[in-house]
Structure formats: structure tokens, C-alpha cells
Amino acid sequence: MTHKIMELVEKDSLKAETPEFEIGDTVDVHCKILEGQKSRTQVFSGTVIARSGSGAREMFTVRRIVAGQGVERKFPIHSPKVEKIEVKRSSFVKRAKLYYLRDRVGKAVRLKERRK
């Protein structure tokens, strides 16, 4: 009963078209940033290492290396601040979460590319 009520409430906040991407894909996330009165789009590119939740609460985690330091960021898929998600490259992985990439550095971070 409660689950059906939650679905009805969340239906308004869902995006009409959600992008198709999977764990291990390299993506560009175009995120809207507010700086005072101005807004601009900032691109965060990296590898999708996790997806969690469902419905309006669905999130995904993107990881990239900046100046030798690992940076992770979680984005809600249905947020109005996430303008678009572009898939740059698909990789073949056998896991649902790629948290093991946190311990790896350099060439060890590379994933096998999926051929289409």
C-alpha cells in the first residue's frame, strides 16, 4: 500500500527520458552549477562505479583521477541539475559495484572495452 502511494508521488519528479548507461561506462555528466545569480554547465567525466536506489531516488557514482588523486561524485539520475549524461565508452565488467578501482592506480584502473 505505502509503496504504491510513493510511486504516485514520485511520478511527477521523474524525467521523461533517462539515459541508458551501465556500470563500467565512461560518461560525461553535464551538471548545472549556480554561482551567485549566474548558472553555468560543468562537465564531470569519469567511470560509473555504482548505481543504487530506484524511482526518483536512483543515484549513480562517477569516479575519476585528478592530479593523481581519486575523486568520486554521486549524482541523482532524475535531478533537474543534471542536464544530460553522455556515454563516451562502454566497458565489460563482471561486477555490480566497482569499488575495487579505488585501490588501483595508473594502468591498473583501465577496463576492457565492450565491442558493439
PDB file of N, CA and C in Angstrom:
ATOM      1  N   MET A   1       0.822  -1.187   0.000  1.00  0.00           N
ATOM      2  CA  MET A   1       0.000   0.000   0.000  1.00  0.00           C
ATOM      3  C   MET A   1       0.872   1.258   0.000  1.00  0.00           C
ATOM      4  N   THR A   2       1.819   1.352   0.911  1.00  0.00           N
ATOM      5  CA  THR A   2       2.679   2.525   1.010  1.00  0.00           C
ATOM      6  C   THR A   2       3.551   2.665  -0.228  1.00  0.00           C
ATOM      7  N   HIS A   3       3.987   1.537  -0.765  1.00  0.00           N
ATOM      8  CA  HIS A   3       4.843   1.552  -1.957  1.00  0.00           C
ATOM      9  C   HIS A   3       4.110   2.178  -3.143  1.00  0.00           C
ATOM     10  N   LYS A   4       2.837   1.863  -3.310  1.00  0.00           N
ATOM     11  CA  LYS A   4       2.048   2.420  -4.415  1.00  0.00           C
ATOM     12  C   LYS A   4       1.850   3.925  -4.250  1.00  0.00           C
ATOM     13  N   ILE A   5       1.650   4.371  -3.035  1.00  0.00           N
ATOM     14  CA  ILE A   5       1.487   5.798  -2.772  1.00  0.00           C
ATOM     15  C   ILE A   5       2.789   6.538  -3.096  1.00  0.00           C
ATOM     16  N   MET A   6       3.933   5.964  -2.706  1.00  0.00           N
ATOM     17  CA  MET A   6       5.231   6.573  -3.003  1.00  0.00           C
ATOM     18  C   MET A   6       5.455   6.686  -4.508  1.00  0.00           C
ATOM     19  N   GLU A   7       5.074   5.661  -5.266  1.00  0.00           N
ATOM     20  CA  GLU A   7       5.228   5.699  -6.717  1.00  0.00           C
ATOM     21  C   GLU A   7       4.396   6.824  -7.329  1.00  0.00           C
ATOM     22  N   LEU A   8       3.183   7.028  -6.834  1.00  0.00           N
ATOM     23  CA  LEU A   8       2.331   8.103  -7.347  1.00  0.00           C
ATOM     24  C   LEU A   8       2.928   9.481  -7.059  1.00  0.00           C
ATOM     25  N   VAL A   9       3.489   9.652  -5.875  1.00  0.00           N
ATOM     26  CA  VAL A   9       4.090  10.931  -5.501  1.00  0.00           C
ATOM     27  C   VAL A   9       5.350  11.195  -6.324  1.00  0.00           C
ATOM     28  N   GLU A  10       6.163  10.164  -6.539  1.00  0.00           N
ATOM     29  CA  GLU A  10       7.423  10.315  -7.255  1.00  0.00           C
ATOM     30  C   GLU A  10       7.239  10.465  -8.762  1.00  0.00           C
ATOM     31  N   LYS A  11       6.109  10.054  -9.293  1.00  0.00           N
ATOM     32  CA  LYS A  11       5.886  10.056 -10.736  1.00  0.00           C
ATOM     33  C   LYS A  11       6.078  11.445 -11.351  1.00  0.00           C
ATOM     34  N   ASP A  12       5.716  12.506 -10.618  1.00  0.00           N
ATOM     35  CA  ASP A  12       5.848  13.868 -11.130  1.00  0.00           C
ATOM     36  C   ASP A  12       7.309  14.299 -11.275  1.00  0.00           C
ATOM     37  N   SER A  13       8.189  13.805 -10.419  1.00  0.00           N
ATOM     38  CA  SER A  13       9.575  14.260 -10.427  1.00  0.00           C
ATOM     39  C   SER A  13      10.491  13.423 -11.321  1.00  0.00           C
ATOM     40  N   LEU A  14       9.973  12.376 -11.947  1.00  0.00           N
ATOM     41  CA  LEU A  14      10.797  11.557 -12.832  1.00  0.00           C
ATOM     42  C   LEU A  14      11.005  12.254 -14.172  1.00  0.00           C
ATOM     43  N   LYS A  15      12.196  12.078 -14.748  1.00  0.00           N
ATOM     44  CA  LYS A  15      12.473  12.614 -16.081  1.00  0.00           C
ATOM     45  C   LYS A  15      11.788  11.743 -17.117  1.00  0.00           C
ATOM     46  N   ALA A  16      11.386  12.355 -18.215  1.00  0.00           N
ATOM     47  CA  ALA A  16      10.696  11.613 -19.278  1.00  0.00           C
ATOM     48  C   ALA A  16      11.646  10.619 -19.941  1.00  0.00           C
ATOM     49  N   GLU A  17      12.861  11.064 -20.250  1.00  0.00           N
ATOM     50  CA  GLU A  17      13.837  10.189 -20.893  1.00  0.00           C
ATOM     51  C   GLU A  17      15.061  10.062 -19.995  1.00  0.00           C
ATOM     52  N   THR A  18      15.323   8.855 -19.548  1.00  0.00           N
ATOM     53  CA  THR A  18      16.530   8.630 -18.766  1.00  0.00           C
ATOM     54  C   THR A  18      17.583   8.019 -19.681  1.00  0.00           C
ATOM     55  N   PRO A  19      18.829   8.445 -19.553  1.00  0.00           N
ATOM     56  CA  PRO A  19      19.874   7.925 -20.429  1.00  0.00           C
ATOM     57  C   PRO A  19      20.203   6.463 -20.123  1.00  0.00           C
ATOM     58  N   GLU A  20      20.608   5.738 -21.132  1.00  0.00           N
ATOM     59  CA  GLU A  20      20.993   4.332 -20.978  1.00  0.00           C
ATOM     60  C   GLU A  20      22.497   4.254 -20.744  1.00  0.00           C
ATOM     61  N   PHE A  21      22.894   3.865 -19.557  1.00  0.00           N
ATOM     62  CA  PHE A  21      24.304   3.622 -19.261  1.00  0.00           C
ATOM     63  C   PHE A  21      24.386   2.541 -18.203  1.00  0.00           C
ATOM     64  N   GLU A  22      25.539   1.905 -18.123  1.00  0.00           N
ATOM     65  CA  GLU A  22      25.736   0.782 -17.214  1.00  0.00           C
ATOM     66  C   GLU A  22      26.974   1.006 -16.359  1.00  0.00           C
ATOM     67  N   ILE A  23      27.182   0.103 -15.428  1.00  0.00           N
ATOM     68  CA  ILE A  23      28.376   0.133 -14.597  1.00  0.00           C
ATOM     69  C   ILE A  23      29.583  -0.120 -15.502  1.00  0.00           C
ATOM     70  N   GLY A  24      30.644   0.652 -15.308  1.00  0.00           N
ATOM     71  CA  GLY A  24      31.855   0.491 -16.109  1.00  0.00           C
ATOM     72  C   GLY A  24      31.920   1.421 -17.303  1.00  0.00           C
ATOM     73  N   ASP A  25      30.829   2.104 -17.623  1.00  0.00           N
ATOM     74  CA  ASP A  25      30.840   3.040 -18.744  1.00  0.00           C
ATOM     75  C   ASP A  25      31.571   4.325 -18.351  1.00  0.00           C
ATOM     76  N   THR A  26      32.272   4.903 -19.311  1.00  0.00           N
ATOM     77  CA  THR A  26      32.873   6.214 -19.113  1.00  0.00           C
ATOM     78  C   THR A  26      31.874   7.242 -19.613  1.00  0.00           C
ATOM     79  N   VAL A  27      31.476   8.164 -18.745  1.00  0.00           N
ATOM     80  CA  VAL A  27      30.411   9.107 -19.075  1.00  0.00           C
ATOM     81  C   VAL A  27      30.854  10.550 -18.830  1.00  0.00           C
ATOM     82  N   ASP A  28      30.185  11.473 -19.521  1.00  0.00           N
ATOM     83  CA  ASP A  28      30.288  12.900 -19.247  1.00  0.00           C
ATOM     84  C   ASP A  28      28.963  13.330 -18.641  1.00  0.00           C
ATOM     85  N   VAL A  29      28.995  13.844 -17.416  1.00  0.00           N
ATOM     86  CA  VAL A  29      27.785  14.307 -16.744  1.00  0.00           C
ATOM     87  C   VAL A  29      27.786  15.830 -16.805  1.00  0.00           C
ATOM     88  N   HIS A  30      26.812  16.400 -17.496  1.00  0.00           N
ATOM     89  CA  HIS A  30      26.669  17.847 -17.602  1.00  0.00           C
ATOM     90  C   HIS A  30      25.795  18.309 -16.445  1.00  0.00           C
ATOM     91  N   CYS A  31      26.423  19.001 -15.497  1.00  0.00           N
ATOM     92  CA  CYS A  31      25.755  19.393 -14.259  1.00  0.00           C
ATOM     93  C   CYS A  31      25.632  20.913 -14.190  1.00  0.00           C
ATOM     94  N   LYS A  32      24.468  21.398 -13.810  1.00  0.00           N
ATOM     95  CA  LYS A  32      24.225  22.835 -13.708  1.00  0.00           C
ATOM     96  C   LYS A  32      24.756  23.329 -12.370  1.00  0.00           C
ATOM     97  N   ILE A  33      25.606  24.373 -12.415  1.00  0.00           N
ATOM     98  CA  ILE A  33      26.218  24.948 -11.222  1.00  0.00           C
ATOM     99  C   ILE A  33      25.708  26.379 -11.067  1.00  0.00           C
ATOM    100  N   LEU A  34      25.246  26.742  -9.871  1.00  0.00           N
ATOM    101  CA  LEU A  34      24.816  28.100  -9.593  1.00  0.00           C
ATOM    102  C   LEU A  34      25.928  28.844  -8.870  1.00  0.00           C
ATOM    103  N   GLU A  35      26.348  29.992  -9.441  1.00  0.00           N
ATOM    104  CA  GLU A  35      27.360  30.845  -8.818  1.00  0.00           C
ATOM    105  C   GLU A  35      26.748  32.226  -8.647  1.00  0.00           C
ATOM    106  N   GLY A  36      26.229  32.492  -7.479  1.00  0.00           N
ATOM    107  CA  GLY A  36      25.535  33.754  -7.247  1.00  0.00           C
ATOM    108  C   GLY A  36      24.231  33.777  -8.032  1.00  0.00           C
ATOM    109  N   GLN A  37      24.093  34.736  -8.935  1.00  0.00           N
ATOM    110  CA  GLN A  37      22.901  34.828  -9.782  1.00  0.00           C
ATOM    111  C   GLN A  37      23.071  34.093 -11.104  1.00  0.00           C
ATOM    112  N   LYS A  38      24.318  33.770 -11.459  1.00  0.00           N
ATOM    113  CA  LYS A  38      24.588  33.139 -12.744  1.00  0.00           C
ATOM    114  C   LYS A  38      24.577  31.625 -12.614  1.00  0.00           C
ATOM    115  N   SER A  39      24.226  30.954 -13.693  1.00  0.00           N
ATOM    116  CA  SER A  39      24.324  29.499 -13.717  1.00  0.00           C
ATOM    117  C   SER A  39      25.113  29.093 -14.954  1.00  0.00           C
ATOM    118  N   ARG A  40      25.901  28.044 -14.796  1.00  0.00           N
ATOM    119  CA  ARG A  40      26.685  27.520 -15.910  1.00  0.00           C
ATOM    120  C   ARG A  40      26.682  26.011 -15.854  1.00  0.00           C
ATOM    121  N   THR A  41      27.115  25.402 -16.941  1.00  0.00           N
ATOM    122  CA  THR A  41      27.168  23.945 -17.009  1.00  0.00           C
ATOM    123  C   THR A  41      28.603  23.487 -16.829  1.00  0.00           C
ATOM    124  N   GLN A  42      28.793  22.539 -15.923  1.00  0.00           N
ATOM    125  CA  GLN A  42      30.112  21.966 -15.678  1.00  0.00           C
ATOM    126  C   GLN A  42      30.069  20.496 -16.036  1.00  0.00           C
ATOM    127  N   VAL A  43      31.081  20.024 -16.741  1.00  0.00           N
ATOM    128  CA  VAL A  43      31.141  18.624 -17.172  1.00  0.00           C
ATOM    129  C   VAL A  43      32.040  17.851 -16.221  1.00  0.00           C
ATOM    130  N   PHE A  44      31.505  16.765 -15.665  1.00  0.00           N
ATOM    131  CA  PHE A  44      32.276  15.856 -14.814  1.00  0.00           C
ATOM    132  C   PHE A  44      32.368  14.543 -15.566  1.00  0.00           C
ATOM    133  N   SER A  45      33.561  14.165 -15.991  1.00  0.00           N
ATOM    134  CA  SER A  45      33.706  12.934 -16.763  1.00  0.00           C
ATOM    135  C   SER A  45      34.476  11.909 -15.944  1.00  0.00           C
ATOM    136  N   GLY A  46      34.048  10.660 -16.055  1.00  0.00           N
ATOM    137  CA  GLY A  46      34.697   9.590 -15.320  1.00  0.00           C
ATOM    138  C   GLY A  46      33.996   8.268 -15.552  1.00  0.00           C
ATOM    139  N   THR A  47      34.346   7.274 -14.757  1.00  0.00           N
ATOM    140  CA  THR A  47      33.807   5.929 -14.874  1.00  0.00           C
ATOM    141  C   THR A  47      32.694   5.717 -13.861  1.00  0.00           C
ATOM    142  N   VAL A  48      31.590   5.145 -14.307  1.00  0.00           N
ATOM    143  CA  VAL A  48      30.476   4.830 -13.407  1.00  0.00           C
ATOM    144  C   VAL A  48      30.875   3.599 -12.603  1.00  0.00           C
ATOM    145  N   ILE A  49      30.964   3.749 -11.270  1.00  0.00           N
ATOM    146  CA  ILE A  49      31.378   2.609 -10.448  1.00  0.00           C
ATOM    147  C   ILE A  49      30.224   2.021  -9.643  1.00  0.00           C
ATOM    148  N   ALA A  50      29.081   2.713  -9.576  1.00  0.00           N
ATOM    149  CA  ALA A  50      27.960   2.180  -8.798  1.00  0.00           C
ATOM    150  C   ALA A  50      26.655   2.844  -9.220  1.00  0.00           C
ATOM    151  N   ARG A  51      25.575   2.085  -9.080  1.00  0.00           N
ATOM    152  CA  ARG A  51      24.206   2.603  -9.211  1.00  0.00           C
ATOM    153  C   ARG A  51      23.427   2.078  -8.024  1.00  0.00           C
ATOM    154  N   SER A  52      22.541   2.905  -7.484  1.00  0.00           N
ATOM    155  CA  SER A  52      21.768   2.456  -6.337  1.00  0.00           C
ATOM    156  C   SER A  52      20.418   3.146  -6.335  1.00  0.00           C
ATOM    157  N   GLY A  53      19.473   2.575  -5.621  1.00  0.00           N
ATOM    158  CA  GLY A  53      18.153   3.146  -5.487  1.00  0.00           C
ATOM    159  C   GLY A  53      17.251   2.812  -6.663  1.00  0.00           C
ATOM    160  N   SER A  54      16.036   3.322  -6.601  1.00  0.00           N
ATOM    161  CA  SER A  54      15.077   3.121  -7.678  1.00  0.00           C
ATOM    162  C   SER A  54      14.110   4.286  -7.692  1.00  0.00           C
ATOM    163  N   GLY A  55      13.444   4.465  -8.807  1.00  0.00           N
ATOM    164  CA  GLY A  55      12.486   5.553  -8.922  1.00  0.00           C
ATOM    165  C   GLY A  55      13.171   6.904  -8.894  1.00  0.00           C
ATOM    166  N   ALA A  56      12.586   7.859  -8.199  1.00  0.00           N
ATOM    167  CA  ALA A  56      13.140   9.210  -8.114  1.00  0.00           C
ATOM    168  C   ALA A  56      14.394   9.255  -7.254  1.00  0.00           C
ATOM    169  N   ARG A  57      14.630   8.222  -6.460  1.00  0.00           N
ATOM    170  CA  ARG A  57      15.797   8.187  -5.574  1.00  0.00           C
ATOM    171  C   ARG A  57      16.997   7.492  -6.196  1.00  0.00           C
ATOM    172  N   GLU A  58      16.965   7.191  -7.472  1.00  0.00           N
ATOM    173  CA  GLU A  58      18.060   6.459  -8.116  1.00  0.00           C
ATOM    174  C   GLU A  58      19.287   7.352  -8.255  1.00  0.00           C
ATOM    175  N   MET A  59      20.438   6.836  -7.838  1.00  0.00           N
ATOM    176  CA  MET A  59      21.701   7.578  -7.858  1.00  0.00           C
ATOM    177  C   MET A  59      22.757   6.759  -8.595  1.00  0.00           C
ATOM    178  N   PHE A  60      23.794   7.457  -9.065  1.00  0.00           N
ATOM    179  CA  PHE A  60      24.949   6.770  -9.623  1.00  0.00           C
ATOM    180  C   PHE A  60      26.212   7.509  -9.205  1.00  0.00           C
ATOM    181  N   THR A  61      27.305   6.756  -9.079  1.00  0.00           N
ATOM    182  CA  THR A  61      28.578   7.301  -8.624  1.00  0.00           C
ATOM    183  C   THR A  61      29.567   7.278  -9.773  1.00  0.00           C
ATOM    184  N   VAL A  62      30.234   8.417  -9.986  1.00  0.00           N
ATOM    185  CA  VAL A  62      31.228   8.551 -11.050  1.00  0.00           C
ATOM    186  C   VAL A  62      32.571   8.826 -10.399  1.00  0.00           C
ATOM    187  N   ARG A  63      33.614   8.135 -10.878  1.00  0.00           N
ATOM    188  CA  ARG A  63      34.959   8.289 -10.321  1.00  0.00           C
ATOM    189  C   ARG A  63      35.925   8.686 -11.417  1.00  0.00           C
ATOM    190  N   ARG A  64      36.817   9.606 -11.084  1.00  0.00           N
ATOM    191  CA  ARG A  64      37.893   9.982 -11.999  1.00  0.00           C
ATOM    192  C   ARG A  64      39.128  10.341 -11.194  1.00  0.00           C
ATOM    193  N   ILE A  65      40.267  10.422 -11.878  1.00  0.00           N
ATOM    194  CA  ILE A  65      41.532  10.761 -11.244  1.00  0.00           C
ATOM    195  C   ILE A  65      41.883  12.194 -11.633  1.00  0.00           C
ATOM    196  N   VAL A  66      42.115  13.054 -10.632  1.00  0.00           N
ATOM    197  CA  VAL A  66      42.503  14.442 -10.875  1.00  0.00           C
ATOM    198  C   VAL A  66      43.806  14.699 -10.135  1.00  0.00           C
ATOM    199  N   ALA A  67      44.858  15.033 -10.871  1.00  0.00           N
ATOM    200  CA  ALA A  67      46.174  15.334 -10.293  1.00  0.00           C
ATOM    201  C   ALA A  67      46.656  14.206  -9.384  1.00  0.00           C
ATOM    202  N   GLY A  68      46.443  12.967  -9.802  1.00  0.00           N
ATOM    203  CA  GLY A  68      46.891  11.811  -9.041  1.00  0.00           C
ATOM    204  C   GLY A  68      46.020  11.455  -7.859  1.00  0.00           C
ATOM    205  N   GLN A  69      44.934  12.154  -7.671  1.00  0.00           N
ATOM    206  CA  GLN A  69      44.024  11.922  -6.548  1.00  0.00           C
ATOM    207  C   GLN A  69      42.682  11.442  -7.087  1.00  0.00           C
ATOM    208  N   GLY A  70      42.093  10.421  -6.498  1.00  0.00           N
ATOM    209  CA  GLY A  70      40.798   9.924  -6.921  1.00  0.00           C
ATOM    210  C   GLY A  70      39.672  10.817  -6.416  1.00  0.00           C
ATOM    211  N   VAL A  71      38.737  11.142  -7.316  1.00  0.00           N
ATOM    212  CA  VAL A  71      37.597  11.990  -6.957  1.00  0.00           C
ATOM    213  C   VAL A  71      36.327  11.246  -7.347  1.00  0.00           C
ATOM    214  N   GLU A  72      35.407  11.105  -6.401  1.00  0.00           N
ATOM    215  CA  GLU A  72      34.120  10.462  -6.673  1.00  0.00           C
ATOM    216  C   GLU A  72      33.008  11.457  -6.419  1.00  0.00           C
ATOM    217  N   ARG A  73      31.961  11.332  -7.228  1.00  0.00           N
ATOM    218  CA  ARG A  73      30.809  12.208  -7.057  1.00  0.00           C
ATOM    219  C   ARG A  73      29.546  11.417  -7.325  1.00  0.00           C
ATOM    220  N   LYS A  74      28.544  11.601  -6.466  1.00  0.00           N
ATOM    221  CA  LYS A  74      27.258  10.918  -6.633  1.00  0.00           C
ATOM    222  C   LYS A  74      26.258  11.892  -7.244  1.00  0.00           C
ATOM    223  N   PHE A  75      25.522  11.398  -8.242  1.00  0.00           N
ATOM    224  CA  PHE A  75      24.520  12.207  -8.916  1.00  0.00           C
ATOM    225  C   PHE A  75      23.175  11.505  -8.854  1.00  0.00           C
ATOM    226  N   PRO A  76      22.083  12.239  -8.600  1.00  0.00           N
ATOM    227  CA  PRO A  76      20.753  11.665  -8.764  1.00  0.00           C
ATOM    228  C   PRO A  76      20.399  11.687 -10.257  1.00  0.00           C
ATOM    229  N   ILE A  77      19.900  10.598 -10.781  1.00  0.00           N
ATOM    230  CA  ILE A  77      19.597  10.497 -12.208  1.00  0.00           C
ATOM    231  C   ILE A  77      18.485  11.456 -12.606  1.00  0.00           C
ATOM    232  N   HIS A  78      17.473  11.608 -11.772  1.00  0.00           N
ATOM    233  CA  HIS A  78      16.301  12.404 -12.117  1.00  0.00           C
ATOM    234  C   HIS A  78      16.365  13.849 -11.617  1.00  0.00           C
ATOM    235  N   SER A  79      17.536  14.309 -11.215  1.00  0.00           N
ATOM    236  CA  SER A  79      17.676  15.673 -10.719  1.00  0.00           C
ATOM    237  C   SER A  79      17.607  16.680 -11.872  1.00  0.00           C
ATOM    238  N   PRO A  80      16.953  17.829 -11.656  1.00  0.00           N
ATOM    239  CA  PRO A  80      16.955  18.856 -12.696  1.00  0.00           C
ATOM    240  C   PRO A  80      18.326  19.508 -12.880  1.00  0.00           C
ATOM    241  N   LYS A  81      19.216  19.363 -11.913  1.00  0.00           N
ATOM    242  CA  LYS A  81      20.571  19.922 -12.036  1.00  0.00           C
ATOM    243  C   LYS A  81      21.445  19.098 -12.977  1.00  0.00           C
ATOM    244  N   VAL A  82      21.111  17.835 -13.192  1.00  0.00           N
ATOM    245  CA  VAL A  82      21.841  17.012 -14.158  1.00  0.00           C
ATOM    246  C   VAL A  82      21.161  17.205 -15.506  1.00  0.00           C
ATOM    247  N   GLU A  83      21.836  17.953 -16.389  1.00  0.00           N
ATOM    248  CA  GLU A  83      21.229  18.283 -17.677  1.00  0.00           C
ATOM    249  C   GLU A  83      21.236  17.106 -18.637  1.00  0.00           C
ATOM    250  N   LYS A  84      22.408  16.479 -18.800  1.00  0.00           N
ATOM    251  CA  LYS A  84      22.464  15.307 -19.669  1.00  0.00           C
ATOM    252  C   LYS A  84      23.646  14.438 -19.291  1.00  0.00           C
ATOM    253  N   ILE A  85      23.561  13.184 -19.699  1.00  0.00           N
ATOM    254  CA  ILE A  85      24.611  12.205 -19.445  1.00  0.00           C
ATOM    255  C   ILE A  85      24.986  11.596 -20.790  1.00  0.00           C
ATOM    256  N   GLU A  86      26.237  11.775 -21.189  1.00  0.00           N
ATOM    257  CA  GLU A  86      26.720  11.234 -22.460  1.00  0.00           C
ATOM    258  C   GLU A  86      27.623  10.043 -22.181  1.00  0.00           C
ATOM    259  N   VAL A  87      27.377   8.937 -22.865  1.00  0.00           N
ATOM    260  CA  VAL A  87      28.243   7.757 -22.735  1.00  0.00           C
ATOM    261  C   VAL A  87      29.350   7.890 -23.766  1.00  0.00           C
ATOM    262  N   LYS A  88      30.595   7.944 -23.291  1.00  0.00           N
ATOM    263  CA  LYS A  88      31.745   8.072 -24.178  1.00  0.00           C
ATOM    264  C   LYS A  88      32.316   6.710 -24.567  1.00  0.00           C
ATOM    265  N   ARG A  89      32.273   5.769 -23.604  1.00  0.00           N
ATOM    266  CA  ARG A  89      32.899   4.470 -23.836  1.00  0.00           C
ATOM    267  C   ARG A  89      32.227   3.444 -22.941  1.00  0.00           C
ATOM    268  N   SER A  90      32.005   2.252 -23.461  1.00  0.00           N
ATOM    269  CA  SER A  90      31.434   1.173 -22.658  1.00  0.00           C
ATOM    270  C   SER A  90      32.516   0.143 -22.358  1.00  0.00           C
ATOM    271  N   SER A  91      32.496  -0.371 -21.153  1.00  0.00           N
ATOM    272  CA  SER A  91      33.485  -1.364 -20.741  1.00  0.00           C
ATOM    273  C   SER A  91      32.790  -2.625 -20.279  1.00  0.00           C
ATOM    274  N   PHE A  92      33.493  -3.741 -20.416  1.00  0.00           N
ATOM    275  CA  PHE A  92      32.994  -5.044 -19.996  1.00  0.00           C
ATOM    276  C   PHE A  92      33.431  -5.283 -18.562  1.00  0.00           C
ATOM    277  N   VAL A  93      32.466  -5.431 -17.656  1.00  0.00           N
ATOM    278  CA  VAL A  93      32.758  -5.711 -16.247  1.00  0.00           C
ATOM    279  C   VAL A  93      31.876  -6.857 -15.780  1.00  0.00           C
ATOM    280  N   LYS A  94      32.320  -7.542 -14.742  1.00  0.00           N
ATOM    281  CA  LYS A  94      31.569  -8.683 -14.213  1.00  0.00           C
ATOM    282  C   LYS A  94      30.996  -8.413 -12.839  1.00  0.00           C
ATOM    283  N   ARG A  95      31.007  -7.158 -12.405  1.00  0.00           N
ATOM    284  CA  ARG A  95      30.546  -6.828 -11.067  1.00  0.00           C
ATOM    285  C   ARG A  95      29.501  -5.726 -11.116  1.00  0.00           C
ATOM    286  N   ALA A  96      28.683  -5.652 -10.075  1.00  0.00           N
ATOM    287  CA  ALA A  96      27.664  -4.615  -9.979  1.00  0.00           C
ATOM    288  C   ALA A  96      28.230  -3.327  -9.382  1.00  0.00           C
ATOM    289  N   LYS A  97      29.248  -3.433  -8.556  1.00  0.00           N
ATOM    290  CA  LYS A  97      29.910  -2.275  -7.962  1.00  0.00           C
ATOM    291  C   LYS A  97      31.405  -2.401  -8.223  1.00  0.00           C
ATOM    292  N   LEU A  98      32.031  -1.323  -8.652  1.00  0.00           N
ATOM    293  CA  LEU A  98      33.451  -1.353  -8.995  1.00  0.00           C
ATOM    294  C   LEU A  98      34.292  -0.637  -7.941  1.00  0.00           C
ATOM    295  N   TYR A  99      34.012  -0.896  -6.672  1.00  0.00           N
ATOM    296  CA  TYR A  99      34.736  -0.241  -5.597  1.00  0.00           C
ATOM    297  C   TYR A  99      36.200  -0.658  -5.548  1.00  0.00           C
ATOM    298  N   TYR A 100      36.542  -1.769  -6.170  1.00  0.00           N
ATOM    299  CA  TYR A 100      37.934  -2.214  -6.177  1.00  0.00           C
ATOM    300  C   TYR A 100      38.822  -1.258  -6.973  1.00  0.00           C
ATOM    301  N   LEU A 101      38.247  -0.402  -7.809  1.00  0.00           N
ATOM    302  CA  LEU A 101      39.046   0.566  -8.566  1.00  0.00           C
ATOM    303  C   LEU A 101      39.644   1.642  -7.661  1.00  0.00           C
ATOM    304  N   ARG A 102      39.106   1.800  -6.454  1.00  0.00           N
ATOM    305  CA  ARG A 102      39.627   2.801  -5.516  1.00  0.00           C
ATOM    306  C   ARG A 102      41.056   2.499  -5.100  1.00  0.00           C
ATOM    307  N   ASP A 103      41.421   1.227  -5.055  1.00  0.00           N
ATOM    308  CA  ASP A 103      42.758   0.824  -4.615  1.00  0.00           C
ATOM    309  C   ASP A 103      43.765   0.819  -5.751  1.00  0.00           C
ATOM    310  N   ARG A 104      43.318   1.010  -6.976  1.00  0.00           N
ATOM    311  CA  ARG A 104      44.201   0.877  -8.128  1.00  0.00           C
ATOM    312  C   ARG A 104      44.660   2.241  -8.641  1.00  0.00           C
ATOM    313  N   VAL A 105      45.865   2.232  -9.222  1.00  0.00           N
ATOM    314  CA  VAL A 105      46.476   3.463  -9.712  1.00  0.00           C
ATOM    315  C   VAL A 105      47.032   3.214 -11.106  1.00  0.00           C
ATOM    316  N   GLY A 106      46.998   4.213 -11.945  1.00  0.00           N
ATOM    317  CA  GLY A 106      47.640   4.148 -13.260  1.00  0.00           C
ATOM    318  C   GLY A 106      46.941   3.218 -14.228  1.00  0.00           C
ATOM    319  N   LYS A 107      47.729   2.359 -14.894  1.00  0.00           N
ATOM    320  CA  LYS A 107      47.182   1.464 -15.909  1.00  0.00           C
ATOM    321  C   LYS A 107      46.270   0.394 -15.325  1.00  0.00           C
ATOM    322  N   ALA A 108      46.367   0.131 -14.042  1.00  0.00           N
ATOM    323  CA  ALA A 108      45.524  -0.892 -13.401  1.00  0.00           C
ATOM    324  C   ALA A 108      44.064  -0.471 -13.337  1.00  0.00           C
ATOM    325  N   VAL A 109      43.792   0.810 -13.553  1.00  0.00           N
ATOM    326  CA  VAL A 109      42.423   1.317 -13.498  1.00  0.00           C
ATOM    327  C   VAL A 109      41.679   1.026 -14.802  1.00  0.00           C
ATOM    328  N   ARG A 110      42.428   0.734 -15.864  1.00  0.00           N
ATOM    329  CA  ARG A 110      41.793   0.513 -17.176  1.00  0.00           C
ATOM    330  C   ARG A 110      40.856  -0.687 -17.153  1.00  0.00           C
ATOM    331  N   LEU A 111      39.755  -0.564 -17.895  1.00  0.00           N
ATOM    332  CA  LEU A 111      38.781  -1.638 -18.035  1.00  0.00           C
ATOM    333  C   LEU A 111      38.744  -2.090 -19.483  1.00  0.00           C
ATOM    334  N   LYS A 112      38.342  -3.353 -19.696  1.00  0.00           N
ATOM    335  CA  LYS A 112      38.240  -3.899 -21.040  1.00  0.00           C
ATOM    336  C   LYS A 112      37.090  -3.255 -21.796  1.00  0.00           C
ATOM    337  N   GLU A 113      37.343  -2.784 -23.001  1.00  0.00           N
ATOM    338  CA  GLU A 113      36.292  -2.115 -23.772  1.00  0.00           C
ATOM    339  C   GLU A 113      35.312  -3.118 -24.351  1.00  0.00           C
ATOM    340  N   ARG A 114      34.036  -2.772 -24.324  1.00  0.00           N
ATOM    341  CA  ARG A 114      32.990  -3.618 -24.875  1.00  0.00           C
ATOM    342  C   ARG A 114      32.829  -3.287 -26.347  1.00  0.00           C
ATOM    343  N   ARG A 115      32.898  -4.301 -27.179  1.00  0.00           N
ATOM    344  CA  ARG A 115      32.704  -4.114 -28.613  1.00  0.00           C
ATOM    345  C   ARG A 115      31.229  -4.255 -28.947  1.00  0.00           C
ATOM    346  N   LYS A 116      30.710  -3.357 -29.770  1.00  0.00           N
ATOM    347  CA  LYS A 116      29.294  -3.406 -30.100  1.00  0.00           C
ATOM    348  C   LYS A 116      29.058  -3.999 -31.449  1.00  0.00           C
TER     349      LYS A 116
END
